[in-house]
């Protein structure tokens, strides 16, 4: 009884262990998939709502030539469009927190120092697009008043550069070109429209202004700040107050896509366009023919560059790897299971004992004893198959007599031949030839008996395996 209880306890423990193992594998797969989905959900700034990857594609579609970098060789023929995401131009490593970063995102989604800004402006003609949105819009993908950078948090060249119109939400505004003294054909659709502050408008020269439907000026949208914002000369700098005309989300609003083409063509003329999406790179890359360009990547590489391998579409690959790995582990555990304990059943032990005895008899060349043992094994197997519970209740006993009585009632002809074959194979003083012939006849009767009663038997002891 104690053996049965211990076996049952062992089976129950192994079952619980298997369940725990499967639960652990499932939890690990779910955790990896969740992590990869989270990583895959981190959208790069360039392709987010406030990125400028869409502008570059839109210009290319409209046959406006773009270049991947400004070099020493093409600097005079390239017009740079640079989105600014740092509200104070403090650069990396500077604290610009206001305590709401966890909920709304960083005030400076991409840091840019004033030195880098000035260096880019001096590298060639440039349109600087001023900041408007916090980093939280990158993951959310939609505008909200709380995601706007506070006006007092934007500070450049010792001035507050922007002001926001009282109207909240989306609004359509007419544009007026001061240089040509005529209205712009396309209207601007803006969310919480942003214009240059009076201080910046006074310092720079307004070029394009916003107007309401009544024709009243609401503020400067684009200004020419050449040679007025910082020391130095021989640079051309225009400033766009509201980025929603050119960024990915803004291009899809109203007439903004057509307005973007008008602005770019009006300010760049026939120059090629460079959309500066990587402010960590050098302002001017080495030309392809210079010694600096040979074997050198102009961009500064950091560990953050590895993030690109975990964003879409690479995130789909990692999710697939996690799912396949989890499926393989689960299928392997279900197919092979835990290692079986080395517990030998009684039947296997008995079979090994018989095989060992047969081998000993063969080595001793005791053919008569070997045949007798074989006949007993066959009779025992046949009696177990034909008599079943009756044999177990009666015990081993004389299996040949019990089989003979059974066959005489069910199949008299087979019963007669069984009795004759058994008597022949167990007769004393048989020669080797006679013993083999009698054994063959006995095996034939055994096979016929199995076939008659619904079971096919193979060679000796095959029915026991």
Protein backbone atom coordinates (compact mmCIF):
# COMPACT_ATOMS: atom_id res chain seq x y z
CA UNK A 1 0.00 0.00 0.00
CA UNK A 2 2.80 2.38 0.84
CA UNK A 3 4.43 1.63 -2.54
CA UNK A 4 1.22 2.56 -4.37
CA UNK A 5 0.85 5.73 -2.33
CA UNK A 6 4.42 6.77 -2.98
CA UNK A 7 3.99 6.12 -6.71
CA UNK A 8 0.82 8.17 -6.79
CA UNK A 9 2.56 10.97 -4.90
CA UNK A 10 5.46 10.82 -7.32
CA UNK A 11 3.10 11.05 -10.33
CA UNK A 12 1.26 13.98 -8.76
CA UNK A 13 4.54 15.75 -8.03
CA UNK A 14 5.76 15.18 -11.58
CA UNK A 15 2.46 16.54 -12.91
CA UNK A 16 2.79 19.67 -10.81
CA UNK A 17 6.39 20.06 -11.92
CA UNK A 18 5.38 19.76 -15.58
CA UNK A 19 2.66 22.37 -15.12
CA UNK A 20 5.07 24.74 -13.39
CA UNK A 21 7.60 24.27 -16.16
CA UNK A 22 5.05 25.02 -18.87
CA UNK A 23 3.83 28.07 -16.97
CA UNK A 24 7.41 29.35 -16.71
CA UNK A 25 8.01 28.86 -20.45
CA UNK A 26 4.74 30.60 -21.30
CA UNK A 27 5.53 33.51 -18.97
CA UNK A 28 8.99 33.89 -20.50
CA UNK A 29 7.60 33.94 -24.05
CA UNK A 30 4.89 36.44 -23.12
CA UNK A 31 7.49 38.65 -21.40
CA UNK A 32 9.83 38.60 -24.39
CA UNK A 33 6.99 39.35 -26.82
CA UNK A 34 5.73 42.19 -24.61
CA UNK A 35 9.24 43.65 -24.41
CA UNK A 36 9.72 43.47 -28.16
CA UNK A 37 6.29 44.97 -28.80
CA UNK A 38 7.23 47.80 -26.44
CA UNK A 39 10.52 48.30 -28.22
CA UNK A 40 8.80 48.06 -31.59
CA UNK A 41 6.35 50.71 -30.48
CA UNK A 42 9.13 53.26 -29.99
CA UNK A 43 8.75 55.21 -33.19
CA UNK A 44 11.75 57.15 -34.51
CA UNK A 45 11.35 60.91 -34.38
CA UNK A 46 11.82 61.28 -38.15
CA UNK A 47 8.75 59.14 -38.94
CA UNK A 48 6.61 60.43 -36.07
CA UNK A 49 3.98 63.17 -36.25
CA UNK A 50 6.60 65.89 -35.78
CA UNK A 51 9.27 64.32 -37.99
CA UNK A 52 10.30 65.53 -41.43
CA UNK A 53 10.79 62.26 -43.31
CA UNK A 54 7.48 62.86 -45.09
CA UNK A 55 8.59 66.26 -46.37
CA UNK A 56 11.66 64.78 -48.03
CA UNK A 57 9.56 62.11 -49.74
CA UNK A 58 6.96 64.68 -50.78
CA UNK A 59 9.59 66.91 -52.37
CA UNK A 60 11.10 63.98 -54.23
CA UNK A 61 7.66 63.02 -55.52
CA UNK A 62 7.21 66.54 -56.88
CA UNK A 63 10.56 66.41 -58.72
CA UNK A 64 12.35 68.72 -56.29
CA UNK A 65 15.87 67.35 -55.98
CA UNK A 66 17.06 66.47 -52.48
CA UNK A 67 20.52 65.53 -51.26
CA UNK A 68 21.54 63.30 -48.34
CA UNK A 69 24.13 65.74 -46.97
CA UNK A 70 25.73 69.12 -47.40
CA UNK A 71 29.35 68.79 -48.50
CA UNK A 72 32.13 71.20 -49.27
CA UNK A 73 31.45 70.65 -52.95
CA UNK A 74 27.70 71.35 -52.99
CA UNK A 75 27.29 73.82 -50.10
CA UNK A 76 26.60 76.74 -52.41
CA UNK A 77 23.85 74.89 -54.30
CA UNK A 78 21.97 73.38 -51.35
CA UNK A 79 19.20 74.88 -49.22
CA UNK A 80 19.03 73.33 -45.73
CA UNK A 81 15.72 72.80 -43.92
CA UNK A 82 16.46 72.14 -40.27
CA UNK A 83 13.76 71.29 -37.71
CA UNK A 84 14.70 72.48 -34.21
CA UNK A 85 13.49 70.38 -31.27
CA UNK A 86 15.52 72.02 -28.51
CA UNK A 87 13.53 75.00 -27.12
CA UNK A 88 16.57 76.69 -25.59
CA UNK A 89 19.38 75.46 -27.82
CA UNK A 90 21.22 74.10 -24.78
CA UNK A 91 22.34 70.86 -26.36
CA UNK A 92 22.75 67.38 -24.90
CA UNK A 93 23.41 66.90 -21.19
CA UNK A 94 21.67 70.10 -20.11
CA UNK A 95 18.71 69.96 -17.74
CA UNK A 96 15.50 71.25 -19.34
CA UNK A 97 13.02 69.36 -17.18
CA UNK A 98 9.80 70.80 -15.81
CA UNK A 99 8.61 67.77 -13.82
CA UNK A 100 6.14 66.57 -16.45
CA UNK A 101 8.48 64.50 -18.58
CA UNK A 102 7.14 61.12 -17.45
CA UNK A 103 3.60 61.98 -18.55
CA UNK A 104 4.12 64.39 -21.45
CA UNK A 105 7.61 63.64 -22.71
CA UNK A 106 10.77 65.68 -22.92
CA UNK A 107 10.80 69.40 -23.68
CA UNK A 108 13.71 68.72 -26.03
CA UNK A 109 13.07 65.50 -27.99
CA UNK A 110 16.34 66.06 -29.86
CA UNK A 111 18.91 68.29 -28.19
CA UNK A 112 20.71 70.91 -30.27
CA UNK A 113 23.25 73.39 -28.98
CA UNK A 114 23.38 77.00 -30.07
CA UNK A 115 26.88 76.41 -31.40
CA UNK A 116 25.63 73.61 -33.71
CA UNK A 117 22.74 75.80 -34.82
CA UNK A 118 25.05 78.68 -35.73
CA UNK A 119 27.52 76.34 -37.45
CA UNK A 120 24.77 74.96 -39.66
CA UNK A 121 23.48 78.41 -40.48
CA UNK A 122 26.94 79.49 -41.56
CA UNK A 123 27.40 76.35 -43.68
CA UNK A 124 24.87 77.56 -46.25
CA UNK A 125 21.34 78.95 -46.76
CA UNK A 126 18.99 77.53 -44.13
CA UNK A 127 15.35 77.56 -43.08
CA UNK A 128 15.13 76.91 -39.34
CA UNK A 129 11.81 75.44 -38.14
CA UNK A 130 11.19 76.44 -34.51
CA UNK A 131 10.04 73.96 -31.84
CA UNK A 132 6.43 73.55 -30.80
CA UNK A 133 5.78 70.05 -29.45
CA UNK A 134 7.01 67.98 -26.53
CA UNK A 135 8.38 64.48 -26.97
CA UNK A 136 5.13 62.84 -25.84
CA UNK A 137 3.57 63.41 -29.24
CA UNK A 138 6.04 60.95 -30.80
CA UNK A 139 4.37 57.95 -29.18
CA UNK A 140 0.83 59.34 -29.10
CA UNK A 141 0.77 60.52 -32.70
CA UNK A 142 -1.91 63.17 -32.11
CA UNK A 143 -1.87 66.74 -30.90
CA UNK A 144 -3.14 67.89 -27.52
CA UNK A 145 -2.80 71.23 -25.71
CA UNK A 146 -0.79 69.61 -22.93
CA UNK A 147 1.80 68.40 -25.44
CA UNK A 148 2.67 71.93 -26.56
CA UNK A 149 5.94 73.30 -25.27
CA UNK A 150 5.08 76.26 -22.99
CA UNK A 151 5.87 79.58 -24.63
CA UNK A 152 8.01 80.69 -21.70
CA UNK A 153 10.12 77.51 -22.07
CA UNK A 154 11.29 78.54 -25.56
CA UNK A 155 14.27 80.88 -25.39
CA UNK A 156 16.73 81.54 -28.22
CA UNK A 157 19.41 84.20 -28.67
CA UNK A 158 18.28 85.98 -25.51
CA UNK A 159 14.73 86.36 -26.76
CA UNK A 160 11.44 84.47 -26.53
CA UNK A 161 11.00 83.67 -30.23
CA UNK A 162 7.34 82.60 -30.50
CA UNK A 163 3.81 83.48 -29.43
CA UNK A 164 0.62 81.45 -29.83
CA UNK A 165 -2.68 82.76 -31.10
CA UNK A 166 -5.66 82.68 -28.73
CA UNK A 167 -7.57 80.18 -30.87
CA UNK A 168 -7.05 76.63 -29.65
CA UNK A 169 -7.36 73.54 -31.75
CA UNK A 170 -7.29 73.49 -35.53
CA UNK A 171 -7.79 76.61 -37.59
CA UNK A 172 -7.35 77.71 -41.20
CA UNK A 173 -5.41 80.95 -41.80
CA UNK A 174 -4.74 83.04 -44.86
CA UNK A 175 -1.15 83.92 -45.70
CA UNK A 176 0.21 87.15 -47.10
CA UNK A 177 3.57 87.51 -48.84
CA UNK A 178 5.01 90.89 -47.83
CA UNK A 179 7.88 90.80 -50.34
CA UNK A 180 5.52 90.40 -53.31
CA UNK A 181 2.69 92.28 -51.62
CA UNK A 182 0.13 89.62 -52.48
CA UNK A 183 -1.76 86.85 -50.72
CA UNK A 184 -0.49 83.29 -50.89
CA UNK A 185 -2.84 81.01 -52.83
CA UNK A 186 -2.90 78.24 -50.21
CA UNK A 187 -4.25 78.59 -46.69
CA UNK A 188 -2.41 77.18 -43.66
CA UNK A 189 -4.18 74.67 -41.40
CA UNK A 190 -2.53 74.82 -37.97
CA UNK A 191 -3.15 73.45 -34.50
CA UNK A 192 -2.86 76.25 -31.92
CA UNK A 193 -1.12 78.41 -34.48
CA UNK A 194 2.33 79.66 -33.52
CA UNK A 195 3.85 82.93 -34.82
CA UNK A 196 7.03 84.82 -34.14
CA UNK A 197 7.04 86.96 -31.02
CA UNK A 198 7.05 90.77 -31.41
CA UNK A 199 10.69 90.84 -30.27
CA UNK A 200 11.76 88.43 -33.01
CA UNK A 201 9.60 90.15 -35.61
CA UNK A 202 11.23 93.46 -34.79
CA UNK A 203 14.71 91.98 -34.93
CA UNK A 204 14.14 90.03 -38.16
CA UNK A 205 12.36 91.05 -41.36
CA UNK A 206 8.85 89.54 -41.74
CA UNK A 207 8.34 87.78 -45.06
CA UNK A 208 5.06 85.86 -44.69
CA UNK A 209 2.37 86.76 -42.15
CA UNK A 210 -0.82 85.07 -40.98
CA UNK A 211 -4.12 86.86 -41.54
CA UNK A 212 -7.65 86.11 -40.45
CA UNK A 213 -10.59 86.05 -42.83
CA UNK A 214 -11.13 89.78 -42.29
CA UNK A 215 -7.59 90.52 -43.55
CA UNK A 216 -6.16 91.42 -40.13
CA UNK A 217 -2.51 90.52 -39.50
CA UNK A 218 -2.17 87.94 -36.72
CA UNK A 219 1.59 87.58 -36.65
CA UNK A 220 4.69 86.67 -38.60
CA UNK A 221 4.94 83.08 -39.83
CA UNK A 222 8.25 83.31 -41.72
CA UNK A 223 10.97 85.93 -41.25
CA UNK A 224 14.36 86.68 -42.76
CA UNK A 225 16.89 86.71 -39.90
CA UNK A 226 20.01 86.98 -42.04
CA UNK A 227 22.93 88.64 -40.22
CA UNK A 228 20.82 89.71 -37.19
CA UNK A 229 20.57 86.80 -34.71
CA UNK A 230 24.26 86.21 -34.02
CA UNK A 231 27.65 87.59 -34.88
CA UNK A 232 29.12 86.88 -38.23
CA UNK A 233 28.25 87.68 -41.80
CA UNK A 234 27.69 86.06 -45.11
CA UNK A 235 25.00 83.65 -43.97
CA UNK A 236 21.38 83.34 -45.04
CA UNK A 237 18.84 82.33 -42.40
CA UNK A 238 15.06 82.17 -42.55
CA UNK A 239 12.91 81.20 -39.57
CA UNK A 240 9.55 79.37 -39.73
CA UNK A 241 7.54 79.88 -36.56
CA UNK A 242 5.11 76.93 -36.82
CA UNK A 243 6.46 73.47 -37.80
CA UNK A 244 2.98 72.04 -38.56
CA UNK A 245 3.19 73.24 -42.15
CA UNK A 246 6.15 71.00 -42.96
CA UNK A 247 6.12 68.10 -40.45
CA UNK A 248 4.60 64.67 -41.15
CA UNK A 249 1.28 65.33 -39.43
CA UNK A 250 0.91 68.85 -40.80
CA UNK A 251 1.43 67.85 -44.43
CA UNK A 252 -1.81 65.85 -44.30
CA UNK A 253 -3.90 68.86 -43.16
CA UNK A 254 -5.83 71.07 -45.56
CA UNK A 255 -3.65 72.71 -48.23
CA UNK A 256 -0.46 72.32 -46.19
CA UNK A 257 1.16 69.93 -48.67
CA UNK A 258 0.75 72.42 -51.54
CA UNK A 259 1.76 75.28 -49.23
CA UNK A 260 4.95 73.41 -48.32
CA UNK A 261 5.90 73.21 -52.00
CA UNK A 262 5.21 76.91 -52.43
CA UNK A 263 7.39 77.82 -49.44
CA UNK A 264 10.27 75.55 -50.44
CA UNK A 265 10.27 76.70 -54.05
CA UNK A 266 9.94 80.34 -53.02
CA UNK A 267 12.88 80.35 -50.64
CA UNK A 268 15.16 77.69 -52.20
CA UNK A 269 14.67 78.62 -55.84
CA UNK A 270 16.55 76.15 -58.01
CA UNK A 271 18.78 74.94 -55.18
CA UNK A 272 18.75 71.33 -54.05
CA UNK A 273 17.08 70.61 -50.72
CA UNK A 274 18.70 69.00 -47.70
CA UNK A 275 16.31 68.07 -44.88
CA UNK A 276 18.58 67.94 -41.84
CA UNK A 277 17.12 65.08 -39.78
CA UNK A 278 20.29 64.15 -37.88
CA UNK A 279 21.56 67.02 -35.73
CA UNK A 280 24.20 64.73 -34.19
CA UNK A 281 26.07 64.62 -37.50
CA UNK A 282 28.62 67.14 -38.64
CA UNK A 283 27.05 70.30 -40.14
CA UNK A 284 28.97 69.71 -43.37
CA UNK A 285 30.05 66.26 -44.47
CA UNK A 286 33.35 65.77 -46.26
CA UNK A 287 33.03 65.65 -50.04
CA UNK A 288 33.37 62.33 -51.77
CA UNK A 289 36.71 63.36 -53.32
CA UNK A 290 38.34 64.72 -50.17
CA UNK A 291 40.84 62.81 -48.09
CA UNK A 292 38.54 63.06 -45.06
CA UNK A 293 35.78 61.11 -46.76
CA UNK A 294 37.90 58.07 -47.56
CA UNK A 295 36.89 55.23 -45.23
CA UNK A 296 35.30 57.55 -42.68
CA UNK A 297 31.69 57.82 -41.52
CA UNK A 298 30.97 61.52 -40.87
CA UNK A 299 28.33 60.73 -38.24
CA UNK A 300 29.11 60.08 -34.61
CA UNK A 301 27.98 56.60 -33.62
CA UNK A 302 26.68 55.78 -30.14
CA UNK A 303 25.03 52.82 -28.44
CA UNK A 304 21.70 54.51 -29.09
CA UNK A 305 22.13 53.58 -32.77
CA UNK A 306 21.39 49.96 -31.81
CA UNK A 307 17.79 50.97 -31.14
CA UNK A 308 17.15 50.95 -34.87
CA UNK A 309 17.38 47.14 -34.81
CA UNK A 310 14.42 46.92 -32.42
CA UNK A 311 11.99 49.28 -34.15
CA UNK A 312 9.60 48.47 -36.95
CA UNK A 313 10.05 46.51 -39.17
CA UNK A 314 12.91 44.77 -37.32
CA UNK A 315 10.66 44.38 -34.27
CA UNK A 316 8.52 41.92 -36.27
CA UNK A 317 11.58 39.72 -36.77
CA UNK A 318 12.38 39.63 -33.04
CA UNK A 319 8.75 38.92 -32.16
CA UNK A 320 8.83 36.04 -34.64
CA UNK A 321 12.05 34.68 -33.12
CA UNK A 322 10.52 34.80 -29.64
CA UNK A 323 7.36 33.02 -30.77
CA UNK A 324 9.25 30.31 -32.65
CA UNK A 325 11.60 29.75 -29.70
CA UNK A 326 8.69 29.50 -27.28
CA UNK A 327 6.84 27.12 -29.60
CA UNK A 328 9.92 24.93 -29.97
CA UNK A 329 10.42 24.75 -26.21
CA UNK A 330 6.76 23.96 -25.62
CA UNK A 331 6.62 21.32 -28.37
CA UNK A 332 9.81 19.71 -27.17
CA UNK A 333 8.55 19.49 -23.61
CA UNK A 334 5.25 17.99 -24.77
CA UNK A 335 6.79 15.51 -27.17
CA UNK A 336 9.61 14.16 -25.05
CA UNK A 337 8.41 15.13 -21.57
CA UNK A 338 10.47 14.60 -18.50
CA UNK A 339 12.99 11.70 -18.41
CA UNK A 340 11.36 8.44 -17.44
CA UNK A 341 12.39 6.95 -14.14
CA UNK A 342 14.28 3.69 -14.31
CA UNK A 343 11.47 1.61 -12.86
CA UNK A 344 11.32 -1.79 -14.53
CA UNK A 345 7.86 -3.35 -14.79
CA UNK A 346 7.37 -6.95 -13.71
CA UNK A 347 6.79 -8.12 -17.30
CA UNK A 348 10.12 -6.67 -18.49
CA UNK A 349 11.93 -8.26 -15.57
CA UNK A 350 10.35 -11.63 -16.33
CA UNK A 351 11.21 -11.35 -20.01
CA UNK A 352 14.82 -10.59 -19.21
CA UNK A 353 14.98 -13.61 -16.92
CA UNK A 354 13.62 -15.84 -19.69
CA UNK A 355 16.05 -14.43 -22.25
CA UNK A 356 18.96 -14.93 -19.87
CA UNK A 357 17.92 -18.54 -19.22
CA UNK A 358 17.57 -19.20 -22.94
CA UNK A 359 21.02 -17.81 -23.58
CA UNK A 360 22.51 -20.03 -20.87
CA UNK A 361 20.83 -23.11 -22.36
CA UNK A 362 22.04 -22.23 -25.85
CA UNK A 363 25.58 -21.78 -24.59
CA UNK A 364 25.31 -25.17 -22.87
CA UNK A 365 23.96 -26.70 -26.14
CA UNK A 366 21.01 -28.17 -24.20
CA UNK A 367 18.55 -28.24 -27.12
CA UNK A 368 15.92 -30.32 -25.32
CA UNK A 369 15.77 -27.92 -22.37
CA UNK A 370 15.71 -24.95 -24.71
CA UNK A 371 12.74 -26.37 -26.66
CA UNK A 372 10.91 -27.22 -23.44
CA UNK A 373 11.35 -23.67 -22.17
CA UNK A 374 10.17 -22.24 -25.49
CA UNK A 375 7.06 -24.45 -25.50
CA UNK A 376 6.18 -23.41 -21.96
CA UNK A 377 6.55 -19.72 -22.86
CA UNK A 378 4.28 -20.12 -25.89
CA UNK A 379 1.68 -22.00 -23.88
CA UNK A 380 1.77 -19.39 -21.15
CA UNK A 381 1.26 -16.57 -23.64
CA UNK A 382 -1.56 -18.44 -25.44
CA UNK A 383 -3.31 -19.29 -22.20
CA UNK A 384 -3.12 -15.66 -21.06
CA UNK A 385 -4.66 -14.50 -24.34
CA UNK A 386 -7.41 -17.16 -24.57
CA UNK A 387 -8.37 -17.68 -20.96
CA UNK A 388 -7.66 -14.23 -19.54
CA UNK A 389 -9.19 -13.78 -16.06
CA UNK A 390 -9.94 -17.51 -15.75
CA UNK A 391 -6.24 -18.32 -16.02
CA UNK A 392 -5.27 -15.61 -13.55
CA UNK A 393 -7.81 -16.99 -11.09
CA UNK A 394 -6.64 -20.57 -11.65
CA UNK A 395 -2.95 -19.78 -11.75
CA UNK A 396 -0.35 -21.03 -14.20
CA UNK A 397 -0.92 -24.76 -13.57
CA UNK A 398 -1.20 -27.03 -16.62
CA UNK A 399 -1.71 -24.53 -19.41
CA UNK A 400 -1.69 -27.23 -22.10
CA UNK A 401 -4.66 -29.08 -20.54
CA UNK A 402 -6.64 -25.84 -20.08
CA UNK A 403 -5.98 -24.78 -23.68
CA UNK A 404 -6.95 -28.24 -24.94
CA UNK A 405 -10.31 -28.10 -23.10
CA UNK A 406 -10.96 -24.58 -24.42
CA UNK A 407 -10.20 -25.54 -28.01
CA UNK A 408 -12.19 -28.78 -27.88
CA UNK A 409 -15.28 -26.70 -27.09
CA UNK A 410 -14.64 -23.78 -29.46
CA UNK A 411 -12.66 -25.31 -32.35
CA UNK A 412 -12.51 -29.10 -32.09
CA UNK A 413 -10.34 -29.59 -35.20
CA UNK A 414 -7.73 -27.09 -33.98
CA UNK A 415 -8.01 -28.61 -30.50
CA UNK A 416 -7.24 -32.07 -31.89
CA UNK A 417 -4.20 -30.88 -33.83
CA UNK A 418 -3.03 -28.84 -30.83
CA UNK A 419 -3.09 -31.91 -28.59
CA UNK A 420 -1.20 -33.98 -31.20
CA UNK A 421 1.42 -31.26 -31.77
CA UNK A 422 1.93 -30.71 -28.05
CA UNK A 423 2.34 -34.42 -27.44
CA UNK A 424 4.85 -34.67 -30.30
CA UNK A 425 6.98 -31.75 -29.24
CA UNK A 426 7.13 -32.89 -25.61
CA UNK A 427 7.82 -36.56 -26.37
CA UNK A 428 11.02 -37.84 -24.72
CA UNK A 429 14.11 -39.02 -26.55
CA UNK A 430 13.52 -37.07 -29.76
CA UNK A 431 16.30 -36.70 -32.27
CA UNK A 432 17.42 -33.27 -33.38
CA UNK A 433 15.59 -33.53 -36.73
CA UNK A 434 12.42 -34.90 -35.16
CA UNK A 435 12.47 -32.19 -32.49
CA UNK A 436 12.67 -29.43 -35.10
CA UNK A 437 9.83 -30.96 -37.17
CA UNK A 438 7.64 -31.30 -34.06
CA UNK A 439 8.47 -27.72 -33.05
CA UNK A 440 7.47 -26.47 -36.52
CA UNK A 441 4.11 -28.25 -36.33
CA UNK A 442 3.55 -26.86 -32.82
CA UNK A 443 4.27 -23.30 -33.99
CA UNK A 444 1.83 -23.73 -36.90
CA UNK A 445 -0.97 -24.76 -34.53
CA UNK A 446 -0.19 -21.84 -32.21
CA UNK A 447 -0.39 -19.40 -35.13
CA UNK A 448 -3.68 -20.90 -36.35
CA UNK A 449 -5.10 -20.61 -32.85
CA UNK A 450 -4.23 -16.92 -32.62
CA UNK A 451 -5.71 -16.25 -36.05
CA UNK A 452 -8.87 -18.16 -35.23
CA UNK A 453 -9.53 -16.16 -32.11
CA UNK A 454 -8.76 -12.73 -33.49
CA UNK A 455 -5.07 -12.13 -32.85
CA UNK A 456 -2.07 -12.34 -35.14
CA UNK A 457 1.03 -13.67 -33.52
CA UNK A 458 4.56 -13.25 -34.77
CA UNK A 459 7.55 -15.40 -34.02
CA UNK A 460 8.20 -16.82 -30.60
CA UNK A 461 7.43 -14.44 -27.74
CA UNK A 462 6.40 -11.69 -30.23
CA UNK A 463 2.95 -11.58 -28.70
CA UNK A 464 4.49 -10.70 -25.40
CA UNK A 465 6.41 -7.64 -26.67
